[in-house]
Every structure is written in C-alpha cells, then in structure tokens.
C-alpha cells in the first residue's frame, strides 16, 4: 500500500448531513479515485488523503480540490494546513 499524507482540512459551509458528505466525497473521487476522503459533519470539515507527492503538486491539488467542493455547491470558509 502506498504511503499517504494529509492534505489541508477544508471547512465547508452547508455540509449538514450524510447526503452532503456523499456529494462532496463522490465529487472528489470523480477527480481522483485514489483519494481517501474523510468528512466530519459536526465540525463541517473535509480532509483529503492522497499518495505522497511533491510540494508543488500539493499546492495545485489543494486548489483543485477546493474548486471541486465549491463546484459541488458548497462554500469553503477555511483551509487549514
């Protein structure tokens, strides 16, 4: 199994139920099916884990995943490292 690392934690406004988490998870997996997506409804957070990559690719992916969540209909209120 490939080693994985955490990507930033996205705080997502409007993620209130399991349907929301499913929508976000499916949207992210549609971009990269190798991701592991962890959601927390109580704290309204989404954490994405992916295979280790370069710092440059991580920066690009952080923006891509943010845009995917926004395109799914949710607002990102914070991104934590």
N, C-alpha and C. Protein backbone atom coordinates (compact mmCIF):
# COMPACT_ATOMS: atom_id res chain seq x y z
N UNK A 1 0.84 -1.18 0.00
CA UNK A 1 0.00 0.00 0.00
C UNK A 1 0.90 1.25 0.00
N UNK A 2 0.53 2.23 -0.84
CA UNK A 2 1.30 3.47 -0.91
C UNK A 2 1.12 4.28 0.36
N UNK A 3 2.19 4.97 0.75
CA UNK A 3 2.11 5.87 1.90
C UNK A 3 1.23 7.06 1.52
N UNK A 4 0.45 7.51 2.49
CA UNK A 4 -0.44 8.65 2.24
C UNK A 4 -0.13 9.75 3.23
N UNK A 5 -0.51 10.95 2.86
CA UNK A 5 -0.33 12.09 3.74
C UNK A 5 -1.60 12.94 3.71
N UNK A 6 -1.78 13.73 4.74
CA UNK A 6 -2.94 14.60 4.79
C UNK A 6 -2.76 15.79 3.87
N UNK A 7 -3.80 16.13 3.23
CA UNK A 7 -3.89 17.39 2.52
C UNK A 7 -4.53 18.36 3.51
N UNK A 8 -4.67 19.61 3.15
CA UNK A 8 -5.33 20.54 4.06
C UNK A 8 -6.74 20.09 4.43
N UNK A 9 -7.18 20.61 5.54
CA UNK A 9 -8.54 20.35 6.01
C UNK A 9 -9.41 21.52 5.57
N UNK A 10 -10.46 21.21 4.83
CA UNK A 10 -11.37 22.23 4.32
C UNK A 10 -12.55 22.36 5.28
N UNK A 11 -12.87 23.58 5.70
CA UNK A 11 -14.10 23.83 6.46
C UNK A 11 -15.15 24.21 5.44
N UNK A 12 -16.28 23.48 5.46
CA UNK A 12 -17.27 23.59 4.39
C UNK A 12 -18.60 24.07 4.95
N UNK A 13 -19.00 25.27 4.56
CA UNK A 13 -20.29 25.81 4.96
C UNK A 13 -21.39 25.08 4.19
N UNK A 14 -22.43 24.66 4.89
CA UNK A 14 -23.55 23.99 4.25
C UNK A 14 -23.48 22.47 4.26
N UNK A 15 -22.40 21.90 4.79
CA UNK A 15 -22.29 20.45 4.88
C UNK A 15 -22.97 20.02 6.18
N UNK A 16 -24.25 19.66 6.07
CA UNK A 16 -25.07 19.44 7.25
C UNK A 16 -25.58 18.01 7.43
N UNK A 17 -25.39 17.14 6.44
CA UNK A 17 -25.99 15.81 6.54
C UNK A 17 -25.17 14.80 5.75
N UNK A 18 -25.57 13.55 5.84
CA UNK A 18 -24.84 12.49 5.14
C UNK A 18 -24.96 12.64 3.62
N UNK A 19 -26.05 13.21 3.13
CA UNK A 19 -26.18 13.45 1.69
C UNK A 19 -25.11 14.44 1.23
N UNK A 20 -24.87 15.47 2.04
CA UNK A 20 -23.83 16.46 1.73
C UNK A 20 -22.46 15.79 1.67
N UNK A 21 -22.15 14.97 2.66
CA UNK A 21 -20.83 14.33 2.68
C UNK A 21 -20.67 13.38 1.51
N UNK A 22 -21.74 12.70 1.14
CA UNK A 22 -21.70 11.79 -0.01
C UNK A 22 -21.46 12.58 -1.30
N UNK A 23 -22.14 13.71 -1.45
CA UNK A 23 -21.97 14.54 -2.64
C UNK A 23 -20.54 15.02 -2.77
N UNK A 24 -19.98 15.52 -1.67
CA UNK A 24 -18.60 16.03 -1.68
C UNK A 24 -17.61 14.90 -1.94
N UNK A 25 -17.79 13.77 -1.26
CA UNK A 25 -16.90 12.63 -1.43
C UNK A 25 -16.91 12.14 -2.88
N UNK A 26 -18.09 11.97 -3.44
CA UNK A 26 -18.19 11.50 -4.83
C UNK A 26 -17.58 12.49 -5.81
N UNK A 27 -17.74 13.79 -5.54
CA UNK A 27 -17.15 14.79 -6.43
C UNK A 27 -15.63 14.71 -6.40
N UNK A 28 -15.06 14.58 -5.21
CA UNK A 28 -13.60 14.48 -5.08
C UNK A 28 -13.07 13.19 -5.70
N UNK A 29 -13.78 12.08 -5.47
CA UNK A 29 -13.34 10.80 -6.04
C UNK A 29 -13.48 10.79 -7.56
N UNK A 30 -14.39 11.63 -8.08
CA UNK A 30 -14.53 11.76 -9.52
C UNK A 30 -13.31 12.39 -10.16
N UNK A 31 -12.59 13.21 -9.41
CA UNK A 31 -11.37 13.84 -9.88
C UNK A 31 -10.18 12.88 -9.74
N UNK A 32 -10.15 12.15 -8.63
CA UNK A 32 -9.04 11.22 -8.38
C UNK A 32 -9.55 10.07 -7.51
N UNK A 33 -9.82 8.92 -8.12
CA UNK A 33 -10.36 7.79 -7.37
C UNK A 33 -9.40 7.17 -6.36
N UNK A 34 -8.13 7.61 -6.34
CA UNK A 34 -7.17 7.06 -5.37
C UNK A 34 -7.21 7.80 -4.04
N UNK A 35 -7.99 8.87 -3.95
CA UNK A 35 -8.06 9.65 -2.72
C UNK A 35 -8.78 8.90 -1.61
N UNK A 36 -8.46 9.25 -0.39
CA UNK A 36 -9.26 8.86 0.76
C UNK A 36 -9.83 10.16 1.31
N UNK A 37 -11.16 10.22 1.39
CA UNK A 37 -11.85 11.44 1.82
C UNK A 37 -12.48 11.16 3.18
N UNK A 38 -12.17 12.01 4.14
CA UNK A 38 -12.75 11.90 5.48
C UNK A 38 -13.59 13.15 5.74
N UNK A 39 -14.84 12.94 6.12
CA UNK A 39 -15.73 14.06 6.40
C UNK A 39 -16.17 14.03 7.85
N UNK A 40 -16.43 15.21 8.39
CA UNK A 40 -16.89 15.36 9.76
C UNK A 40 -18.03 16.39 9.76
N UNK A 41 -19.25 15.89 9.86
CA UNK A 41 -20.43 16.77 9.80
C UNK A 41 -20.44 17.73 10.99
N UNK A 42 -20.14 17.25 12.17
CA UNK A 42 -20.19 18.08 13.37
C UNK A 42 -19.29 19.31 13.25
N UNK A 43 -18.08 19.10 12.73
CA UNK A 43 -17.12 20.21 12.60
C UNK A 43 -17.13 20.82 11.20
N UNK A 44 -17.95 20.25 10.31
CA UNK A 44 -18.08 20.72 8.93
C UNK A 44 -16.73 20.74 8.20
N UNK A 45 -15.99 19.64 8.35
CA UNK A 45 -14.67 19.57 7.71
C UNK A 45 -14.56 18.40 6.75
N UNK A 46 -13.69 18.59 5.77
CA UNK A 46 -13.35 17.55 4.80
C UNK A 46 -11.83 17.47 4.75
N UNK A 47 -11.29 16.27 4.98
CA UNK A 47 -9.86 16.03 4.88
C UNK A 47 -9.61 15.06 3.74
N UNK A 48 -8.64 15.40 2.90
CA UNK A 48 -8.32 14.56 1.74
C UNK A 48 -6.94 13.97 1.96
N UNK A 49 -6.83 12.65 1.84
CA UNK A 49 -5.54 11.97 1.91
C UNK A 49 -5.24 11.41 0.54
N UNK A 50 -3.97 11.56 0.14
CA UNK A 50 -3.56 11.08 -1.18
C UNK A 50 -2.14 10.56 -1.10
N UNK A 51 -1.68 9.85 -2.14
CA UNK A 51 -0.30 9.38 -2.13
C UNK A 51 0.65 10.56 -2.00
N UNK A 52 1.82 10.33 -1.38
CA UNK A 52 2.82 11.40 -1.24
C UNK A 52 3.17 11.97 -2.60
N UNK A 53 3.22 13.28 -2.66
CA UNK A 53 3.53 14.00 -3.90
C UNK A 53 4.50 15.12 -3.57
N UNK A 54 4.96 15.79 -4.58
CA UNK A 54 5.84 16.94 -4.38
C UNK A 54 5.05 18.10 -3.77
N UNK A 55 5.74 19.03 -3.14
CA UNK A 55 5.10 20.20 -2.54
C UNK A 55 4.38 21.03 -3.60
N UNK A 56 4.97 21.13 -4.78
CA UNK A 56 4.35 21.89 -5.87
C UNK A 56 3.02 21.27 -6.27
N UNK A 57 3.00 19.95 -6.42
CA UNK A 57 1.76 19.27 -6.79
C UNK A 57 0.72 19.40 -5.68
N UNK A 58 1.16 19.36 -4.41
CA UNK A 58 0.24 19.52 -3.29
C UNK A 58 -0.47 20.87 -3.38
N UNK A 59 0.27 21.92 -3.69
CA UNK A 59 -0.31 23.25 -3.79
C UNK A 59 -1.36 23.30 -4.90
N UNK A 60 -1.06 22.71 -6.03
CA UNK A 60 -2.00 22.67 -7.15
C UNK A 60 -3.24 21.86 -6.75
N UNK A 61 -3.02 20.69 -6.16
CA UNK A 61 -4.14 19.83 -5.78
C UNK A 61 -5.04 20.50 -4.74
N UNK A 62 -4.46 21.25 -3.81
CA UNK A 62 -5.25 21.94 -2.80
C UNK A 62 -6.27 22.86 -3.46
N UNK A 63 -5.86 23.58 -4.47
CA UNK A 63 -6.78 24.48 -5.18
C UNK A 63 -7.80 23.68 -6.00
N UNK A 64 -7.35 22.61 -6.63
CA UNK A 64 -8.27 21.79 -7.42
C UNK A 64 -9.37 21.23 -6.53
N UNK A 65 -9.00 20.66 -5.40
CA UNK A 65 -9.99 20.05 -4.51
C UNK A 65 -10.92 21.11 -3.93
N UNK A 66 -10.39 22.28 -3.64
CA UNK A 66 -11.23 23.39 -3.18
C UNK A 66 -12.27 23.73 -4.24
N UNK A 67 -11.85 23.84 -5.48
CA UNK A 67 -12.77 24.16 -6.56
C UNK A 67 -13.81 23.06 -6.78
N UNK A 68 -13.41 21.81 -6.62
CA UNK A 68 -14.35 20.70 -6.77
C UNK A 68 -15.46 20.80 -5.72
N UNK A 69 -15.09 21.11 -4.48
CA UNK A 69 -16.09 21.25 -3.41
C UNK A 69 -17.02 22.42 -3.70
N UNK A 70 -16.46 23.53 -4.15
CA UNK A 70 -17.28 24.70 -4.50
C UNK A 70 -18.20 24.37 -5.67
N UNK A 71 -17.68 23.70 -6.68
CA UNK A 71 -18.50 23.32 -7.83
C UNK A 71 -19.62 22.35 -7.46
N UNK A 72 -19.44 21.61 -6.37
CA UNK A 72 -20.49 20.69 -5.89
C UNK A 72 -21.60 21.46 -5.16
N UNK A 73 -21.39 22.77 -4.95
CA UNK A 73 -22.43 23.60 -4.37
C UNK A 73 -22.19 24.03 -2.93
N UNK A 74 -20.96 23.94 -2.48
CA UNK A 74 -20.65 24.27 -1.08
C UNK A 74 -19.64 25.41 -1.02
N UNK A 75 -19.64 26.12 0.10
CA UNK A 75 -18.74 27.24 0.30
C UNK A 75 -17.61 26.81 1.24
N UNK A 76 -16.37 27.09 0.83
CA UNK A 76 -15.21 26.85 1.68
C UNK A 76 -15.01 28.09 2.54
N UNK A 77 -15.04 27.92 3.85
CA UNK A 77 -14.85 29.07 4.74
C UNK A 77 -13.44 29.13 5.31
N UNK A 78 -12.70 28.02 5.24
CA UNK A 78 -11.32 28.00 5.73
C UNK A 78 -10.60 26.78 5.16
N UNK A 79 -9.28 26.93 5.04
CA UNK A 79 -8.41 25.81 4.67
C UNK A 79 -7.26 25.81 5.67
N UNK A 80 -7.13 24.71 6.41
CA UNK A 80 -6.06 24.59 7.41
C UNK A 80 -5.01 23.62 6.90
N UNK A 81 -3.75 23.92 7.17
CA UNK A 81 -2.68 23.01 6.72
C UNK A 81 -2.70 21.70 7.47
